[in-house]
Amino acid sequence: MKHRATVYALAAMLFASSVSLADETPPETSGGSSGNVQFLMGKTYLHDFWRPLDEPASFAIEVDFGPESSPVHVAISTHVFGQVRDVSSPFFGETGKVADGFLELSVGFLWHPVKRGVVRPYLGGGGLSMAAFAGEGWDFWASGINDHSFGYYGNAGIYFKVGEHFNIGVDGRVVRGTSITLEGRGGDADYGQVSLLMGVGWGN
């Protein structure tokens, strides 16, 4: 609960503060396209179903694009996150060095209310497909202990435009609606996530 509250508070604070700092001058557009390729590295906070491997490191790539005059972009992303550690209590039937891993593909939208200026807030959401794995060490991909689920997400963040193309900022993401069953145990892979963002953009 504490981790989820942190993610929500961070996303709300960043979005509200960035809007107040934004340059409201209408952008000049050339009728082309604009977008970003963002790389995100951070930490994911899963529910107790995954303890003691419930705080995996994460890596993601997100691409958003749309007409240069539109504040709404299509967003496509892939997220990979996982954790490995030694445990004495069975983790889905395994002890010793065990791991969990997740592969997620999502499609949705991003709303960019600021099309010009150094400070660029955004807000997004959409649907996703996720595969979850658990097993012994990094061989968990082939362990047979896996399941698949659909879900939905929301994200918000802020990045700063450095020069014409480079972006740096932070992103907060929340996933809900997943349902996972492993070794006869039912749970979910819902999570909160906070990431550092770095990437490149084109257009306004």
Protein backbone atom coordinates (compact mmCIF):
# COMPACT_ATOMS: atom_id res chain seq x y z
CA MET A 1 0.00 0.00 0.00
CA LYS A 2 2.87 2.36 0.89
CA HIS A 3 4.56 1.81 -2.48
CA ARG A 4 1.34 2.41 -4.41
CA ALA A 5 0.71 5.65 -2.53
CA THR A 6 4.24 6.78 -3.35
CA VAL A 7 3.74 6.14 -7.08
CA TYR A 8 0.39 7.95 -7.15
CA ALA A 9 1.72 10.92 -5.20
CA LEU A 10 4.82 11.21 -7.38
CA ALA A 11 2.83 11.11 -10.60
CA ALA A 12 0.30 13.68 -9.40
CA MET A 13 2.95 16.04 -8.02
CA LEU A 14 5.07 15.92 -11.16
CA PHE A 15 2.16 16.43 -13.50
CA ALA A 16 0.65 19.32 -11.55
CA SER A 17 3.95 21.14 -11.07
CA SER A 18 5.01 20.71 -14.68
CA VAL A 19 1.77 22.09 -16.06
CA SER A 20 2.23 25.23 -13.96
CA LEU A 21 5.74 25.69 -15.39
CA ALA A 22 4.79 24.99 -19.00
CA ASP A 23 5.20 27.44 -21.85
CA GLU A 24 1.67 28.11 -23.09
CA THR A 25 2.77 29.63 -26.40
CA PRO A 26 1.10 27.70 -29.26
CA PRO A 27 3.70 25.65 -31.14
CA GLU A 28 4.55 26.29 -34.73
CA THR A 29 3.89 23.14 -36.73
CA SER A 30 4.92 22.04 -40.18
CA GLY A 31 2.19 19.43 -40.65
CA GLY A 32 4.63 16.54 -40.12
CA SER A 33 4.89 14.07 -37.26
CA SER A 34 6.42 14.23 -33.80
CA GLY A 35 7.28 11.65 -31.19
CA ASN A 36 9.76 10.15 -28.78
CA VAL A 37 11.76 7.00 -28.13
CA GLN A 38 12.18 6.73 -24.35
CA PHE A 39 14.31 4.30 -22.32
CA LEU A 40 13.17 3.72 -18.73
CA MET A 41 15.10 2.10 -15.87
CA GLY A 42 13.59 1.77 -12.45
CA LYS A 43 12.01 -0.36 -9.76
CA THR A 44 8.73 -2.28 -9.70
CA TYR A 45 6.64 -2.86 -6.57
CA LEU A 46 4.55 -6.05 -6.78
CA HIS A 47 1.94 -7.39 -4.36
CA ASP A 48 2.68 -9.89 -1.56
CA PHE A 49 1.89 -12.80 -3.91
CA TRP A 50 5.50 -12.47 -5.15
CA ARG A 51 7.30 -12.15 -1.81
CA PRO A 52 10.22 -12.21 -1.22
CA LEU A 53 10.86 -11.35 -4.87
CA ASP A 54 8.39 -8.47 -4.98
CA GLU A 55 10.68 -5.52 -5.84
CA PRO A 56 12.33 -6.37 -9.17
CA ALA A 57 14.44 -4.02 -11.27
CA SER A 58 12.82 -2.96 -14.54
CA PHE A 59 13.77 -1.85 -18.03
CA ALA A 60 11.42 -0.54 -20.71
CA ILE A 61 11.33 1.03 -24.14
CA GLU A 62 8.39 3.26 -25.06
CA VAL A 63 7.71 4.83 -28.43
CA ASP A 64 5.03 7.49 -28.93
CA PHE A 65 4.14 9.25 -32.16
CA GLY A 66 1.43 11.33 -33.80
CA PRO A 67 0.72 14.36 -35.97
CA GLU A 68 2.86 17.33 -34.99
CA SER A 69 -0.24 19.43 -34.32
CA SER A 70 -1.89 16.82 -32.04
CA PRO A 71 -1.32 16.65 -28.25
CA VAL A 72 -2.39 12.97 -28.26
CA HIS A 73 0.06 10.30 -29.43
CA VAL A 74 -0.17 6.56 -29.91
CA ALA A 75 2.13 4.84 -27.37
CA ILE A 76 3.67 1.37 -27.73
CA SER A 77 5.98 -0.09 -25.08
CA THR A 78 7.67 -3.22 -23.87
CA HIS A 79 8.65 -3.77 -20.23
CA VAL A 80 10.94 -6.43 -18.78
CA PHE A 81 11.43 -6.82 -15.03
CA GLY A 82 12.65 -9.54 -12.72
CA GLN A 83 14.54 -10.43 -9.57
CA VAL A 84 16.80 -13.30 -8.43
CA ARG A 85 17.85 -14.18 -4.89
CA ASP A 86 18.63 -17.06 -2.50
CA VAL A 87 15.70 -18.23 -0.37
CA SER A 88 15.28 -20.92 2.27
CA SER A 89 11.48 -21.05 2.14
CA PRO A 90 9.98 -22.54 -1.07
CA PHE A 91 9.21 -20.03 -3.80
CA PHE A 92 6.65 -21.79 -6.01
CA GLY A 93 8.20 -25.11 -5.01
CA GLU A 94 11.85 -24.05 -5.40
CA THR A 95 14.53 -23.18 -2.83
CA GLY A 96 18.06 -21.88 -3.16
CA LYS A 97 18.61 -19.40 -5.97
CA VAL A 98 15.19 -18.59 -7.44
CA ALA A 99 13.84 -15.89 -9.70
CA ASP A 100 10.72 -14.33 -11.09
CA GLY A 101 10.42 -12.53 -14.39
CA PHE A 102 7.85 -10.57 -16.38
CA LEU A 103 7.50 -9.59 -20.02
CA GLU A 104 4.88 -6.97 -20.86
CA LEU A 105 3.69 -5.43 -24.12
CA SER A 106 1.32 -2.45 -24.03
CA VAL A 107 -0.54 -0.22 -26.45
CA GLY A 108 -2.28 3.00 -25.49
CA PHE A 109 -2.01 6.77 -25.73
CA LEU A 110 -0.01 9.65 -24.31
CA TRP A 111 -1.36 13.14 -23.86
CA HIS A 112 1.29 15.85 -24.19
CA PRO A 113 -0.35 19.12 -23.08
CA VAL A 114 2.85 21.08 -23.77
CA LYS A 115 4.19 20.99 -27.32
CA ARG A 116 6.85 23.63 -26.78
CA GLY A 117 9.21 24.48 -23.96
CA VAL A 118 11.81 22.82 -21.80
CA VAL A 119 9.34 21.20 -19.36
CA ARG A 120 7.19 18.44 -20.93
CA PRO A 121 4.57 16.69 -18.76
CA TYR A 122 2.53 13.76 -20.06
CA LEU A 123 -0.33 11.50 -19.03
CA GLY A 124 -1.25 8.15 -20.57
CA GLY A 125 -3.09 4.87 -20.36
CA GLY A 126 -4.05 1.76 -22.31
CA GLY A 127 -4.13 -2.03 -22.36
CA LEU A 128 -1.42 -4.64 -21.96
CA SER A 129 -0.51 -8.29 -22.31
CA MET A 130 1.84 -9.81 -19.72
CA ALA A 131 3.67 -13.11 -19.26
CA ALA A 132 4.89 -14.02 -15.75
CA PHE A 133 7.48 -16.67 -14.91
CA ALA A 134 8.97 -18.20 -11.76
CA GLY A 135 11.54 -20.92 -11.18
CA GLU A 136 15.09 -21.88 -10.34
CA GLY A 137 17.74 -19.24 -11.02
CA TRP A 138 17.73 -17.55 -14.41
CA ASP A 139 16.42 -20.78 -16.00
CA PHE A 140 12.94 -19.72 -14.89
CA TRP A 141 12.06 -18.91 -18.53
CA ALA A 142 12.10 -22.65 -19.26
CA SER A 143 10.77 -23.84 -15.89
CA GLY A 144 7.18 -24.36 -17.02
CA ILE A 145 5.98 -22.26 -14.06
CA ASN A 146 4.35 -19.45 -16.00
CA ASP A 147 1.07 -17.80 -16.86
CA HIS A 148 -0.30 -15.04 -19.07
CA SER A 149 -2.76 -12.23 -18.42
CA PHE A 150 -4.24 -9.09 -19.90
CA GLY A 151 -4.57 -5.87 -17.92
CA TYR A 152 -4.56 -2.10 -18.16
CA TYR A 153 -2.20 0.66 -17.13
CA GLY A 154 -1.94 4.36 -16.40
CA ASN A 155 1.23 6.43 -16.42
CA ALA A 156 2.29 10.01 -15.83
CA GLY A 157 5.59 11.79 -15.81
CA ILE A 158 7.69 14.73 -16.77
CA TYR A 159 10.78 15.12 -18.89
CA PHE A 160 13.03 18.03 -19.72
CA LYS A 161 14.06 18.83 -23.26
CA VAL A 162 17.84 19.20 -23.48
CA GLY A 163 18.68 20.79 -26.81
CA GLU A 164 16.49 19.84 -29.75
CA HIS A 165 16.31 16.07 -29.30
CA PHE A 166 17.47 14.73 -25.92
CA ASN A 167 14.96 13.99 -23.09
CA ILE A 168 15.57 13.26 -19.40
CA GLY A 169 12.98 12.89 -16.65
CA VAL A 170 10.94 10.53 -14.44
CA ASP A 171 7.96 8.27 -15.07
CA GLY A 172 5.37 6.71 -12.77
CA ARG A 173 3.32 3.71 -13.92
CA VAL A 174 0.49 1.67 -12.34
CA VAL A 175 -0.85 -1.66 -13.69
CA ARG A 176 -4.15 -3.22 -12.65
CA GLY A 177 -6.54 -5.94 -13.81
CA THR A 178 -4.08 -8.84 -14.17
CA SER A 179 -4.77 -12.39 -12.96
CA ILE A 180 -1.94 -14.92 -12.55
CA THR A 181 -2.00 -18.57 -11.38
CA LEU A 182 1.28 -20.37 -10.64
CA GLU A 183 1.58 -23.86 -9.13
CA GLY A 184 -2.10 -23.80 -8.17
CA ARG A 185 -1.85 -20.45 -6.38
CA GLY A 186 -3.95 -17.57 -7.65
CA GLY A 187 -2.84 -13.95 -7.51
CA ASP A 188 -1.99 -11.07 -9.79
CA ALA A 189 0.93 -9.18 -11.29
CA ASP A 190 -0.44 -5.70 -10.60
CA TYR A 191 2.25 -3.22 -9.67
CA GLY A 192 3.45 0.34 -9.17
CA GLN A 193 6.66 1.45 -10.85
CA VAL A 194 8.96 4.47 -10.70
CA SER A 195 11.60 4.94 -13.42
CA LEU A 196 14.29 7.26 -14.65
CA LEU A 197 13.59 8.28 -18.25
CA MET A 198 16.11 9.07 -20.96
CA GLY A 199 15.41 9.29 -24.68
CA VAL A 200 15.29 11.20 -27.91
CA GLY A 201 12.48 13.04 -29.68
CA TRP A 202 11.66 14.54 -33.05
CA GLY A 203 9.28 17.29 -34.13
CA ASN A 204 7.82 19.77 -31.62
